Protein backbone atom coordinates (compact mmCIF):
# COMPACT_ATOMS: atom_id res chain seq x y z
CA UNK A 1 26.78 6.86 23.03
CA UNK A 2 24.24 4.34 21.82
CA UNK A 3 24.92 2.48 18.79
CA UNK A 4 21.35 1.91 18.29
CA UNK A 5 19.66 2.13 14.96
CA UNK A 6 15.78 1.84 13.70
CA UNK A 7 15.51 0.46 10.53
CA UNK A 8 12.21 1.27 8.47
CA UNK A 9 12.13 -1.91 6.25
CA UNK A 10 9.62 -2.51 3.49
CA UNK A 11 8.35 -5.91 3.48
CA UNK A 12 6.52 -5.66 0.13
CA UNK A 13 2.90 -6.28 -0.65
CA UNK A 14 2.50 -9.59 0.25
CA UNK A 15 4.87 -12.22 -1.59
CA UNK A 16 7.78 -12.57 1.11
CA UNK A 17 10.02 -12.97 -1.86
CA UNK A 18 9.77 -9.62 -2.60
CA UNK A 19 11.50 -7.96 0.17
CA UNK A 20 14.83 -7.01 -0.67
CA UNK A 21 18.05 -8.46 0.26
CA UNK A 22 19.01 -5.43 2.49
CA UNK A 23 15.62 -5.64 4.15
CA UNK A 24 15.83 -9.49 4.77
CA UNK A 25 19.49 -9.02 6.22
CA UNK A 26 18.11 -6.41 8.88
CA UNK A 27 15.13 -8.51 9.59
CA UNK A 28 17.88 -11.83 10.32
CA UNK A 29 20.07 -9.23 12.43
CA UNK A 30 17.29 -7.59 14.41
CA UNK A 31 17.10 -7.56 18.30
CA UNK A 32 13.36 -6.51 18.06
CA UNK A 33 11.13 -6.43 15.04
CA UNK A 34 7.59 -4.31 15.46
CA UNK A 35 5.80 -5.15 12.70
CA UNK A 36 2.23 -4.38 10.54
CA UNK A 37 -0.86 -6.44 9.90
CA UNK A 38 -0.33 -7.06 6.30
CA UNK A 39 3.27 -8.12 6.05
CA UNK A 40 4.14 -11.54 4.87
CA UNK A 41 3.59 -13.79 7.77
CA UNK A 42 6.32 -16.06 6.80
CA UNK A 43 9.18 -13.39 7.08
CA UNK A 44 8.73 -13.51 10.74
CA UNK A 45 10.36 -17.06 10.43
CA UNK A 46 13.45 -14.81 9.31
CA UNK A 47 14.08 -13.73 12.64
CA UNK A 48 16.39 -14.78 15.63
CA UNK A 49 15.09 -17.04 18.24
CA UNK A 50 15.76 -14.60 20.83
CA UNK A 51 14.47 -11.44 18.76
CA UNK A 52 11.18 -9.37 20.03
CA UNK A 53 8.51 -9.82 18.00
CA UNK A 54 5.44 -7.06 18.34
CA UNK A 55 2.71 -6.86 16.09
CA UNK A 56 1.35 -3.56 16.19
CA UNK A 57 -1.02 -3.90 12.95
CA UNK A 58 -4.03 -1.68 12.53
CA UNK A 59 -6.95 -2.89 10.93
CA UNK A 60 -10.22 -1.24 9.84
CA UNK A 61 -12.91 -1.38 12.68
CA UNK A 62 -10.89 -2.80 15.13
CA UNK A 63 -9.27 -1.79 18.46
CA UNK A 64 -5.78 -1.52 17.67
CA UNK A 65 -2.56 0.29 19.14
CA UNK A 66 -2.60 4.18 18.47
CA UNK A 67 0.30 5.70 16.42
CA UNK A 68 1.41 7.63 19.40
CA UNK A 69 2.03 4.37 21.39
CA UNK A 70 3.92 2.74 18.11
CA UNK A 71 6.25 6.16 18.32
CA UNK A 72 6.57 5.58 21.73
CA UNK A 73 7.65 1.64 21.34
CA UNK A 74 10.05 2.56 18.75
CA UNK A 75 11.75 5.00 20.93
CA UNK A 76 11.69 2.70 24.10
CA UNK A 77 12.71 -0.63 22.32
CA UNK A 78 15.96 1.38 20.49
CA UNK A 79 17.07 2.80 23.78
CA UNK A 80 17.18 -0.55 25.35
CA UNK A 81 18.19 -2.82 22.32
CA UNK A 82 20.54 -2.10 19.75
CA UNK A 83 19.22 -3.28 16.21
CA UNK A 84 15.32 -2.36 15.84
CA UNK A 85 13.21 -3.03 12.67
CA UNK A 86 9.94 -1.25 11.92
CA UNK A 87 8.52 -3.86 9.41
CA UNK A 88 6.05 -2.21 7.31
CA UNK A 89 3.77 -3.42 4.55
CA UNK A 90 4.63 -2.34 0.66
CA UNK A 91 6.88 0.48 0.83
CA UNK A 92 7.62 2.34 4.08
CA UNK A 93 7.28 5.94 2.28
CA UNK A 94 3.79 4.95 0.47
CA UNK A 95 0.89 5.85 2.75
CA UNK A 96 2.86 4.30 6.05
CA UNK A 97 2.82 7.31 8.37
CA UNK A 98 6.77 7.07 7.75
CA UNK A 99 7.10 10.66 8.55
CA UNK A 100 5.75 10.53 12.07
CA UNK A 101 7.66 7.66 13.14
CA UNK A 102 10.91 9.04 11.61
CA UNK A 103 10.09 12.21 13.67
CA UNK A 104 9.31 10.52 16.78
CA UNK A 105 13.17 8.54 16.43
CA UNK A 106 14.88 11.85 15.36
CA UNK A 107 13.47 13.61 18.31
CA UNK A 108 14.82 10.90 20.64
CA UNK A 109 18.32 11.51 18.99
CA UNK A 110 18.34 7.93 17.40
CA UNK A 111 19.75 6.94 14.33
CA UNK A 112 17.83 5.34 11.56
CA UNK A 113 17.72 4.28 7.99
CA UNK A 114 14.51 3.72 5.61
CA UNK A 115 15.16 0.29 3.10
CA UNK A 116 12.28 0.84 0.69
CA UNK A 117 9.83 -2.02 -0.24
CA UNK A 118 7.64 -2.74 -3.47
CA UNK A 119 4.41 -0.88 -3.08
CA UNK A 120 0.88 -2.31 -4.10
CA UNK A 121 0.66 -0.06 -7.06
CA UNK A 122 3.86 -1.54 -8.77
CA UNK A 123 2.92 -4.98 -7.61
CA UNK A 124 -0.46 -4.86 -8.51
CA UNK A 125 0.95 -3.72 -12.09
CA UNK A 126 3.41 -6.66 -12.65
CA UNK A 127 0.72 -9.08 -11.41
CA UNK A 128 -1.54 -8.04 -14.45
CA UNK A 129 1.32 -7.29 -17.03
CA UNK A 130 0.86 -3.49 -17.04
CA UNK A 131 3.10 -0.67 -17.18
CA UNK A 132 1.78 2.01 -15.07
CA UNK A 133 3.56 4.70 -17.30
CA UNK A 134 3.88 4.74 -21.06
CA UNK A 135 5.45 6.75 -23.81
CA UNK A 136 3.03 8.73 -24.99
CA UNK A 137 -0.10 8.08 -23.37
CA UNK A 138 0.59 7.90 -19.90
CA UNK A 139 3.82 10.30 -18.89
CA UNK A 140 2.25 10.92 -15.35
CA UNK A 141 1.80 8.70 -12.48
CA UNK A 142 -0.46 10.01 -9.58
CA UNK A 143 -0.68 7.91 -6.16
CA UNK A 144 -3.21 9.15 -4.03
CA UNK A 145 -5.11 8.35 -1.09
CA UNK A 146 -8.92 7.26 -1.34
CA UNK A 147 -9.77 7.97 2.18
CA UNK A 148 -8.64 11.16 4.80
CA UNK A 149 -7.97 10.34 8.53
CA UNK A 150 -11.61 10.59 9.02
CA UNK A 151 -12.31 7.50 6.62
CA UNK A 152 -14.18 9.97 3.80
CA UNK A 153 -12.87 10.65 0.42
CA UNK A 154 -10.31 13.43 0.89
CA UNK A 155 -11.78 16.99 -0.13
CA UNK A 156 -8.05 18.31 -0.01
CA UNK A 157 -7.17 16.73 -3.28
CA UNK A 158 -7.23 18.45 -6.43
CA UNK A 159 -9.95 16.60 -8.10
CA UNK A 160 -9.97 19.09 -11.06
CA UNK A 161 -6.34 18.47 -11.62
CA UNK A 162 -6.73 14.63 -11.11
CA UNK A 163 -9.66 14.12 -13.61
CA UNK A 164 -7.61 16.29 -16.15
CA UNK A 165 -4.45 14.47 -15.93
CA UNK A 166 -3.48 12.63 -18.67
CA UNK A 167 -1.75 9.39 -17.19
CA UNK A 168 -2.01 6.76 -14.62
CA UNK A 169 -4.02 7.56 -11.45
CA UNK A 170 -3.64 5.00 -8.40
CA UNK A 171 -5.92 5.41 -5.33
CA UNK A 172 -4.78 3.62 -2.24
CA UNK A 173 -7.35 2.63 0.39
CA UNK A 174 -10.12 3.39 -1.65
CA UNK A 175 -12.74 0.49 -1.23
CA UNK A 176 -14.61 2.39 1.37
CA UNK A 177 -15.03 5.86 -0.76
CA UNK A 178 -15.03 4.29 -4.28
CA UNK A 179 -18.36 6.00 -5.40
CA UNK A 180 -16.98 9.21 -4.44
CA UNK A 181 -13.77 8.92 -5.93
CA UNK A 182 -15.27 7.59 -9.29
CA UNK A 183 -17.77 10.24 -9.28
CA UNK A 184 -15.70 13.33 -8.36
CA UNK A 185 -13.40 12.06 -11.48
CA UNK A 186 -16.18 11.79 -14.00
CA UNK A 187 -18.14 14.73 -13.07
CA UNK A 188 -14.99 16.72 -13.69
CA UNK A 189 -14.22 15.40 -16.89
CA UNK A 190 -12.48 12.09 -16.65
CA UNK A 191 -13.79 9.36 -19.28
CA UNK A 192 -16.34 7.02 -17.49
CA UNK A 193 -15.41 4.47 -20.16
CA UNK A 194 -11.58 4.79 -19.34
CA UNK A 195 -10.57 1.15 -18.15
CA UNK A 196 -9.80 0.89 -14.28
CA UNK A 197 -9.11 -2.09 -12.19
CA UNK A 198 -9.60 -2.89 -8.38
CA UNK A 199 -6.74 -5.00 -7.09
CA UNK A 200 -7.89 -6.58 -3.60
CA UNK A 201 -4.82 -7.95 -1.34
CA UNK A 202 -2.47 -7.19 -4.07
CA UNK A 203 0.21 -9.78 -4.20
CA UNK A 204 -1.28 -11.69 -1.35
CA UNK A 205 -3.29 -15.48 -1.15
CA UNK A 206 -6.54 -14.64 -1.93
CA UNK A 207 -5.83 -11.69 -4.35
CA UNK A 208 -8.68 -10.64 -6.45
CA UNK A 209 -9.41 -8.22 -9.13
CA UNK A 210 -12.24 -6.15 -10.64
CA UNK A 211 -12.07 -5.17 -14.22
CA UNK A 212 -14.49 -2.54 -15.56
CA UNK A 213 -14.99 1.17 -16.76
CA UNK A 214 -14.50 3.82 -14.35
CA UNK A 215 -17.57 4.85 -14.24
CA UNK A 216 -19.02 1.01 -13.46
CA UNK A 217 -16.01 0.05 -11.04
CA UNK A 218 -18.01 0.89 -8.08
CA UNK A 219 -21.00 -0.95 -8.57
CA UNK A 220 -19.00 -4.12 -9.84
CA UNK A 221 -16.58 -3.71 -6.68
CA UNK A 222 -19.77 -3.95 -4.51
CA UNK A 223 -21.42 -7.03 -6.50
CA UNK A 224 -17.89 -8.63 -5.78
CA UNK A 225 -17.77 -7.58 -2.23
CA UNK A 226 -14.33 -6.25 -2.53
CA UNK A 227 -12.89 -5.66 0.92
CA UNK A 228 -9.99 -3.59 1.98
CA UNK A 229 -7.28 -3.44 1.34
CA UNK A 230 -7.39 -2.48 -2.31
CA UNK A 231 -5.84 -0.26 -4.94
CA UNK A 232 -7.73 1.30 -7.69
CA UNK A 233 -6.00 1.98 -10.93
CA UNK A 234 -7.16 3.76 -13.76
CA UNK A 235 -5.92 5.02 -16.95
CA UNK A 236 -5.05 4.41 -20.64
CA UNK A 237 -2.59 1.51 -20.00
CA UNK A 238 -5.04 -0.68 -17.53
CA UNK A 239 -6.61 -1.79 -21.14
CA UNK A 240 -3.63 -3.95 -21.74
CA UNK A 241 -4.06 -5.90 -18.42
CA UNK A 242 -3.97 -9.61 -18.47
CA UNK A 243 -5.97 -11.10 -15.50
CA UNK A 244 -3.77 -14.32 -13.98
CA UNK A 245 -5.76 -17.28 -13.92
CA UNK A 246 -5.21 -17.63 -10.11
CA UNK A 247 -7.36 -14.30 -9.80
CA UNK A 248 -10.92 -13.96 -9.78
CA UNK A 249 -12.01 -11.89 -12.86
CA UNK A 250 -15.34 -10.36 -11.83
CA UNK A 251 -16.85 -8.00 -14.37
CA UNK A 252 -17.49 -10.34 -17.65
CA UNK A 253 -18.58 -7.54 -19.94
CA UNK A 254 -15.44 -5.37 -20.17
CA UNK A 255 -12.52 -6.47 -22.00
CA UNK A 256 -9.32 -5.41 -20.51
């Protein structure tokens, strides 16, 4: 019987020191590493000299490896080597297509484990000194995707519920649909004056923050030419954010 195991490891948002000890150990023990584009590059220095390292990263607007082929590679390598690490940016279970890859590995009769990582939302909040939840004002925390599989604002989301949610909303993959996201929320009753923050490259060199009111942040992001990946955070706790000196604060007319 094969002793192969596929370890789905969260690499964290960009700071290599944010990987877990268990994730780092699996990386050092790996026979094969298949990694995303947005992992901390220095983590690959931790793999052994005989380890096969394969870039399977995706990027908007560039030709990249399809998900089906990535699934096939995971199974193929796991059948040939014992310890396969699938290294994913952030947390594997948060908008990382983890379910599809687990299903491929499980269907092949292979063992797997999931080692969580720090996701972009919590990393961005930590960098800015805010809590995503707060007793009495933000008892709900919602993680949502800002774009669907076609690259558009997802119509399947219950925008009425999101607009009325008394808490913190976080939208991943939000840059391309920022106008639609904010318009959907404010047109259904969410306060356009609510504080919002858009964090580009959270935890990575080159990180930038756009701070504005919810109703203004799409225009501010365009003026700053914000690029993906970026997360949008809006809610009552955002007003307590302190933007680090190493981060460019774009909107000067909003106090956050």
